[in-house]
Structure formats: structure tokens, C-alpha cells
Amino acid sequence: MKQPYASEYLKKDALKIRSRQLAGEIIVTTARGYWPLPLMSDVPGLRREGSRTVCEWGSFVTLYDPYNAAQFIPADGQLPLAWAGYTPTPIELATVVVDPVRRWARVVSDESGEEVATLTDVPAWESGWRLLEDVRTELAKALVPAVPWRVAWAAPENGEGPLWEGRSPMVRNEHAAVNLAGYAFDDDRNLIYLSAVGHKTALEAIRASLLGRHRQGKLTLGGGRYQTRLNGLERYEQVWAPLPDFQAHHVIFLARQAFKPEPADAVTYLVAFDGDAPEEQARRLLTKRLHAALPIPVLDEWAEALWNAAAERDWITAVRAAGDCRGCWQVSLMTDWAALVESLITQGEIEIAID
């Protein structure tokens, strides 16, 4: 079991804020997601007057100790409309108790011992520092008046630990991580196929990295010591399926080049899901992909001869694939397939039936 982690620095700053709140001061945060307090920059019409920031509802005094905080001094006792619904409540210290098997995190008040919040699908394999940051940020965004400053791991029931502890196969970006079910990527680390399971918001974050304008190297595939940065292509077919019993979704991304190649493409991909005969499935796909991508007709009965001849020339190469993707092959379209077809016809390897 992992050792507990604590941030005495965070605890000290949180106690300073609480002390000011108990003295009647209205404390706000100057950084979104840092403290569970209203955000100063949400107030419209802010302007500087000397050493203070003012608005029509009052003024702000920046506090340099604690960090990322300011005192709001109301002009007439009213809070800004941007903070509608907020009730000033002194924050309290809390402990995050992580269940590594269920991947839950219970936030428990240090003062009362009561549960403040429960988070699901937490990355329990992460370090204590990373978990503390993630949970603290989530609570701050939701304005839950609790500041977790330490993390502890619950003892697994019956002595059973989580599967793949610390090395669960994942795909992640800088904001989210989800469980990996299958993948395929080529030698240039272009992601061809991805199958993943997780909360919908986390999967949407993965999709944003995969399809965003700056999509090179934004996703990391792996677990434990094995890590590979992947590049997103310009378009993917997506299939989303809810898993309501687990409050999760299963999503599949398949690169356009793998199902709808175009004449301008340098490559196409043959992705197989048949566990017993993936290469046979890929051979059947070859003629369909070539027929769609090339300006010459390609007949289905040519599949085996074309595959063997192209493989000898390294026009067809296997790429890395695993999980529910049982095999994937990259097919070069920047080669003279027309000449190959003509050569195979001349050699009698393939023929065109004439009625």
C-alpha cells in the first residue's frame, strides 16, 4: 500500500484563510480552481485605484500570505452579482481517503469526521501529490468549503489489491486519463485506432487532444514504465456507447484513412478485429481500400496475389496493435500499384474475366 502524503504548506495557508473568515473577513481567490472561494476576476468592471482593485460593489486587497487570495471589502454590505448564490462559509481542512480498488476518493472533514464529498473514477495509481492537486482543484471549482491537505489509501478488503497496480494501461493527456481497451499506431506514432473506457467528461478531454489543432504528441499511451506519445490525425470516425451500471462510456476512434481513403492520401490502414484470423480479414479489406483510393479498378479476387506481392516490396507493413484491435497493417499509396497490377496480369497471377 502507498504511504500517506501531506502538504504542510497547503495546510498552513488554509488555516490562515479560515482564521480571517472566522474574524468576519470575506476572502476570495485570485486563481481559478485554487481555493474553494469566489473568483475575483469574475466580477465585472474591475479597475485599479492605488494599491487596491475596485469595482462598484467594493474593493479588493491582495493577500500575499496566504497565496492566491484577496480580501473583499464591500461598499454597502452586498456581494457582487457574479457571486450570486455564494454564502461565505469558513473553509475546513480535510483528508482524501483513496480506495485503490474501486477508484473512489472520499473527502473527510478533519474537524467533524464527516464525509464532505466523494469522487469516482480517480486515477488511484497516481502519486499522492498528483491526487491531492486533482481533488483539491475539483472541490475548489465546485466551491465545496473544504481544503484537502493530505492523502491516505484505504486498506483493500480481504487483502486484495487493484489489478495492474501502478501499471494500469491508460491513455491520457494533461487533464484526464481513461482505461485503454485497444489501440493501433504506426511507426510515426500516428494514432490509427483507439478504444477506451472512462467517464464521459474524461473521454471528451481525450477527444479534444486527439482532434485539436495542436494534436501532435498530446496523448500518452501506456502504464508504468511503458509510455508512448501519440499524434492525432485530422479526422476520426467515433462510436460512443454508455455503460450505465458503471457511470462510464466506451468510445472508439478510427482514423479516416482506415475506412475512407482518398487519392491524396500517402497511406491507408487495414484494421482487423477478428481474433482468429486478423490477417485474413485484412486481406479482404485490401482490395476495397485500393479500389477507393486508386484511379484503377481493383477486383476482390486479386486480394491474395496483391497482398503477397506488395508485402514482398514492403508496400504493406504491420504496425503496433493490441487489445480489441487484433491487427493493423499500413498500406502505401505512394507506390505504382497500376504497374504492379499490370505485372501480375502479365505473369498470370491475376486475371480479368471477359464475358
Foldseek 3Di string as FASTA:
>chain_A
DDDKDFDVLLVQQLVVQLVCVVVPWQKAFCDALQALGHHPVLAPDWDDDPQWIADPQFIWHDDPRVPRMITTDGPPPDDGPSCPPDDDDRAFEWEWEAEQAQRKTWTAGPVPRHTQDMDGPHPSLDDFVVSLSVVSSVCSNVSRRYRYGMYHYDQDPPNDGHPCRQWQWWKAFPNAIWHFQKFFAAPVQETAKTKTKDAPVRVVVVVCLQQPPPNFQRMWTTGDPDIDGHGHDNDWDKDWADDVVSNMIIMMTGDCLAPQNAQVDFKHKDWAQDQPCRVVSSLQCVQVSCCRHDPDHGDSVCSVVLVVVCVVVVQKDWTDIDGSGNTMIMGGSPDPVVVVVVVCCVVVVDHDDDD
